[in-house]
Amino acid sequence: MQRQVASNRSPQTSGSLIPVRNFFYVSNLLSIIRLGLTPFLFDSIVRRSHFAALVIGGLAILTDMLDGYFARRLNQRTNLGKILDPIADKAIISAVIVALILSNSSFPRWAFIVVIIRDVLIVVANIFLFHRTQTIARSDRWGKCTTFFLATALVLYVLADSGLTPPFNPFYVLCVGLMFAVISALNYSWQLLRLLQQNKTQSDKAI
């Protein structure tokens, strides 16, 4: 009966096995590179090497744009990619926020708490979902908007911290990012409940 349930799941959204070759897909390699850039970006901000921070941050943003492009272009959408991409995004955004706080920038501390709570809840929920259904929830447009606006706000804060005048007020951009963060968390909760219900329905039919 278990085999019948598993066969109804899309191979793009479920399955506990991750082939080793998936680590060498261009899209996943770009996510790994972004993860590798995290400590260097953190260090450059803490040391107030703003030019280096902007260059490394630009590379991180570029890899984030390209990994999705290559995943679609080369048909490399994998479970590993759905794990690596959001983890890389969350790691680098959290690292930049902590670095800004340590460097005594004007970044609001309460915003860091909001971002961390949201990210922790999503990671825990995804672990629970995978444990129950062997399914990994896909990143949606709300999550992508959250990443875009938070990343933009952080770039603006780094610019302001360097003494330059950013083209937009970073706090307003941050508020937009936090708004999308709340929306994405609510939408993710809905996805979680829907997938759990689908799994329960499939299990009941298999009995």
Protein backbone atom coordinates (compact mmCIF):
# COMPACT_ATOMS: atom_id res chain seq x y z
CA MET A 1 0.00 0.00 0.00
CA GLN A 2 2.85 2.36 0.77
CA ARG A 3 4.17 2.04 -2.78
CA GLN A 4 0.83 3.13 -4.18
CA VAL A 5 0.84 6.26 -2.04
CA ALA A 6 4.38 7.14 -3.09
CA SER A 7 3.58 6.71 -6.77
CA ASN A 8 0.93 9.44 -6.58
CA ARG A 9 3.44 12.05 -5.54
CA SER A 10 5.19 14.25 -8.03
CA PRO A 11 8.91 13.45 -8.33
CA GLN A 12 9.57 17.18 -8.27
CA THR A 13 8.05 17.66 -4.85
CA SER A 14 8.71 14.45 -2.94
CA GLY A 15 11.13 11.63 -2.30
CA SER A 16 13.69 11.13 0.44
CA LEU A 17 16.63 10.16 -1.77
CA ILE A 18 18.90 12.84 -3.22
CA PRO A 19 21.22 11.53 -5.96
CA VAL A 20 24.85 12.62 -5.60
CA ARG A 21 24.82 13.99 -9.17
CA ASN A 22 22.31 16.64 -8.06
CA PHE A 23 25.10 18.37 -6.12
CA PHE A 24 26.88 19.00 -9.44
CA TYR A 25 23.95 20.60 -11.23
CA VAL A 26 24.72 24.20 -12.16
CA SER A 27 21.72 25.53 -10.23
CA ASN A 28 22.70 23.71 -7.04
CA LEU A 29 26.37 24.63 -7.38
CA LEU A 30 25.34 28.29 -7.51
CA SER A 31 23.37 27.87 -4.26
CA ILE A 32 26.41 26.21 -2.66
CA ILE A 33 28.60 29.10 -3.83
CA ARG A 34 26.15 31.55 -2.26
CA LEU A 35 26.40 29.67 1.01
CA GLY A 36 30.19 29.81 0.74
CA LEU A 37 30.09 33.60 0.28
CA THR A 38 28.20 34.06 3.57
CA PRO A 39 31.19 34.17 6.00
CA PHE A 40 33.16 36.49 3.69
CA LEU A 41 30.23 38.88 3.42
CA PHE A 42 29.74 38.80 7.18
CA ASP A 43 33.41 39.52 7.82
CA SER A 44 33.59 42.38 5.33
CA ILE A 45 30.61 44.14 6.92
CA VAL A 46 31.91 43.68 10.48
CA ARG A 47 35.32 45.04 9.41
CA ARG A 48 33.46 47.89 7.65
CA SER A 49 35.04 47.02 4.29
CA HIS A 50 32.01 48.34 2.49
CA PHE A 51 33.35 48.04 -1.05
CA ALA A 52 34.18 44.36 -0.51
CA ALA A 53 30.77 43.85 1.11
CA LEU A 54 28.98 45.35 -1.90
CA VAL A 55 31.01 43.25 -4.36
CA ILE A 56 30.43 40.02 -2.44
CA GLY A 57 26.79 40.91 -1.89
CA GLY A 58 26.41 41.57 -5.60
CA LEU A 59 27.84 38.13 -6.37
CA ALA A 60 25.44 36.56 -3.90
CA ILE A 61 22.46 38.30 -5.52
CA LEU A 62 23.71 37.23 -8.97
CA THR A 63 23.94 33.57 -7.93
CA ASP A 64 20.43 33.81 -6.49
CA MET A 65 19.11 35.08 -9.81
CA LEU A 66 21.02 32.55 -11.90
CA ASP A 67 20.28 29.40 -9.92
CA GLY A 68 16.56 29.71 -10.60
CA TYR A 69 17.22 30.52 -14.25
CA PHE A 70 19.43 27.48 -14.79
CA ALA A 71 17.07 25.22 -12.83
CA ARG A 72 14.32 26.10 -15.30
CA ARG A 73 16.50 26.35 -18.41
CA LEU A 74 18.34 23.06 -17.86
CA ASN A 75 15.40 21.28 -16.22
CA GLN A 76 17.37 20.91 -12.99
CA ARG A 77 14.55 21.32 -10.50
CA THR A 78 15.43 18.93 -7.68
CA ASN A 79 14.62 18.33 -4.03
CA LEU A 80 18.19 19.32 -3.22
CA GLY A 81 17.67 22.65 -4.95
CA LYS A 82 14.49 23.25 -3.00
CA ILE A 83 16.52 22.74 0.18
CA LEU A 84 19.71 24.58 -0.76
CA ASP A 85 18.17 27.70 -2.31
CA PRO A 86 16.06 28.85 0.68
CA ILE A 87 18.76 27.82 3.16
CA ALA A 88 21.33 29.90 1.27
CA ASP A 89 18.95 32.87 1.16
CA LYS A 90 18.14 32.65 4.86
CA ALA A 91 21.78 32.13 5.87
CA ILE A 92 23.14 35.09 3.94
CA ILE A 93 20.33 37.48 4.94
CA SER A 94 20.65 36.52 8.62
CA ALA A 95 24.45 36.86 8.47
CA VAL A 96 24.22 40.34 6.93
CA ILE A 97 21.69 41.48 9.53
CA VAL A 98 23.86 40.22 12.42
CA ALA A 99 26.92 41.88 10.85
CA LEU A 100 25.07 45.19 10.51
CA ILE A 101 24.00 45.02 14.15
CA LEU A 102 27.55 44.22 15.30
CA SER A 103 28.91 47.11 13.24
CA ASN A 104 26.51 49.50 15.02
CA SER A 105 24.57 50.40 11.89
CA SER A 106 21.08 51.89 11.98
CA PHE A 107 19.44 48.55 11.19
CA PRO A 108 16.56 48.06 13.69
CA ARG A 109 17.12 45.17 16.10
CA TRP A 110 13.43 44.28 16.28
CA ALA A 111 13.40 43.58 12.53
CA PHE A 112 16.08 40.94 13.06
CA ILE A 113 13.84 39.19 15.60
CA VAL A 114 10.93 39.17 13.11
CA VAL A 115 13.11 37.69 10.34
CA ILE A 116 14.65 35.04 12.61
CA ILE A 117 11.31 33.91 14.08
CA ARG A 118 9.79 33.64 10.59
CA ASP A 119 12.78 31.67 9.22
CA VAL A 120 12.96 29.30 12.18
CA LEU A 121 9.24 28.55 11.97
CA ILE A 122 9.48 27.83 8.24
CA VAL A 123 12.51 25.54 8.66
CA VAL A 124 10.87 23.62 11.52
CA ALA A 125 7.61 23.33 9.56
CA ASN A 126 9.45 22.03 6.49
CA ILE A 127 11.27 19.42 8.57
CA PHE A 128 7.95 18.32 10.05
CA LEU A 129 6.34 18.23 6.60
CA PHE A 130 9.15 16.13 5.13
CA HIS A 131 9.04 13.75 8.09
CA ARG A 132 5.29 13.24 7.67
CA THR A 133 4.92 13.23 3.89
CA GLN A 134 8.41 12.99 2.34
CA THR A 135 7.46 16.24 0.61
CA ILE A 136 9.38 19.52 0.36
CA ALA A 137 7.29 22.66 -0.04
CA ARG A 138 8.31 24.85 -2.95
CA SER A 139 9.32 28.47 -2.55
CA ASP A 140 6.51 30.68 -3.82
CA ARG A 141 6.30 34.22 -5.17
CA TRP A 142 5.73 35.65 -1.68
CA GLY A 143 8.96 34.11 -0.43
CA LYS A 144 10.83 35.40 -3.48
CA CYS A 145 9.41 38.91 -2.90
CA THR A 146 10.50 38.68 0.74
CA THR A 147 14.05 37.76 -0.26
CA PHE A 148 14.20 40.50 -2.91
CA PHE A 149 13.05 43.35 -0.68
CA LEU A 150 15.05 42.23 2.37
CA ALA A 151 18.20 41.89 0.23
CA THR A 152 17.56 45.32 -1.31
CA ALA A 153 17.05 46.86 2.12
CA LEU A 154 20.30 45.33 3.40
CA VAL A 155 22.24 46.69 0.42
CA LEU A 156 20.82 50.14 1.16
CA TYR A 157 21.79 49.84 4.83
CA VAL A 158 25.35 48.91 3.83
CA LEU A 159 25.43 51.95 1.53
CA ALA A 160 24.18 54.20 4.31
CA ASP A 161 26.70 52.72 6.72
CA SER A 162 29.50 53.47 4.27
CA GLY A 163 28.62 57.17 4.31
CA LEU A 164 26.91 57.20 0.92
CA THR A 165 23.34 58.37 0.45
CA PRO A 166 21.17 55.45 -0.70
CA PRO A 167 18.64 56.16 -3.48
CA PHE A 168 15.78 54.98 -1.25
CA ASN A 169 15.18 55.06 2.47
CA PRO A 170 16.31 51.59 3.62
CA PHE A 171 13.81 51.51 6.46
CA TYR A 172 10.84 51.83 4.10
CA VAL A 173 12.19 49.07 1.85
CA LEU A 174 12.75 46.94 4.96
CA CYS A 175 9.13 47.44 6.01
CA VAL A 176 7.97 46.23 2.58
CA GLY A 177 10.21 43.18 2.95
CA LEU A 178 8.82 42.44 6.42
CA MET A 179 5.28 42.78 5.10
CA PHE A 180 6.03 40.15 2.45
CA ALA A 181 7.72 38.02 5.15
CA VAL A 182 4.48 37.91 7.15
CA ILE A 183 2.41 37.16 4.03
CA SER A 184 4.81 34.39 2.97
CA ALA A 185 4.70 32.84 6.45
CA LEU A 186 0.89 32.78 6.39
CA ASN A 187 0.85 31.36 2.85
CA TYR A 188 3.42 28.75 3.83
CA SER A 189 1.21 27.71 6.75
CA TRP A 190 -1.67 27.25 4.32
CA GLN A 191 0.54 25.16 2.01
CA LEU A 192 1.61 23.01 4.96
CA LEU A 193 -1.97 22.28 6.00
CA ARG A 194 -2.98 21.56 2.40
CA LEU A 195 -0.12 19.11 1.82
CA LEU A 196 -0.79 17.35 5.13
CA GLN A 197 -4.45 17.00 4.20
CA GLN A 198 -3.56 15.64 0.74
CA ASN A 199 -1.22 13.10 2.33
CA LYS A 200 -3.93 12.02 4.78
CA THR A 201 -6.46 11.63 1.95
CA GLN A 202 -4.03 9.51 -0.09
CA SER A 203 -3.26 7.35 2.95
CA ASP A 204 -6.96 6.82 3.63
CA LYS A 205 -7.56 5.76 0.02
CA ALA A 206 -4.66 3.31 0.17
CA ILE A 207 -6.10 1.52 3.18
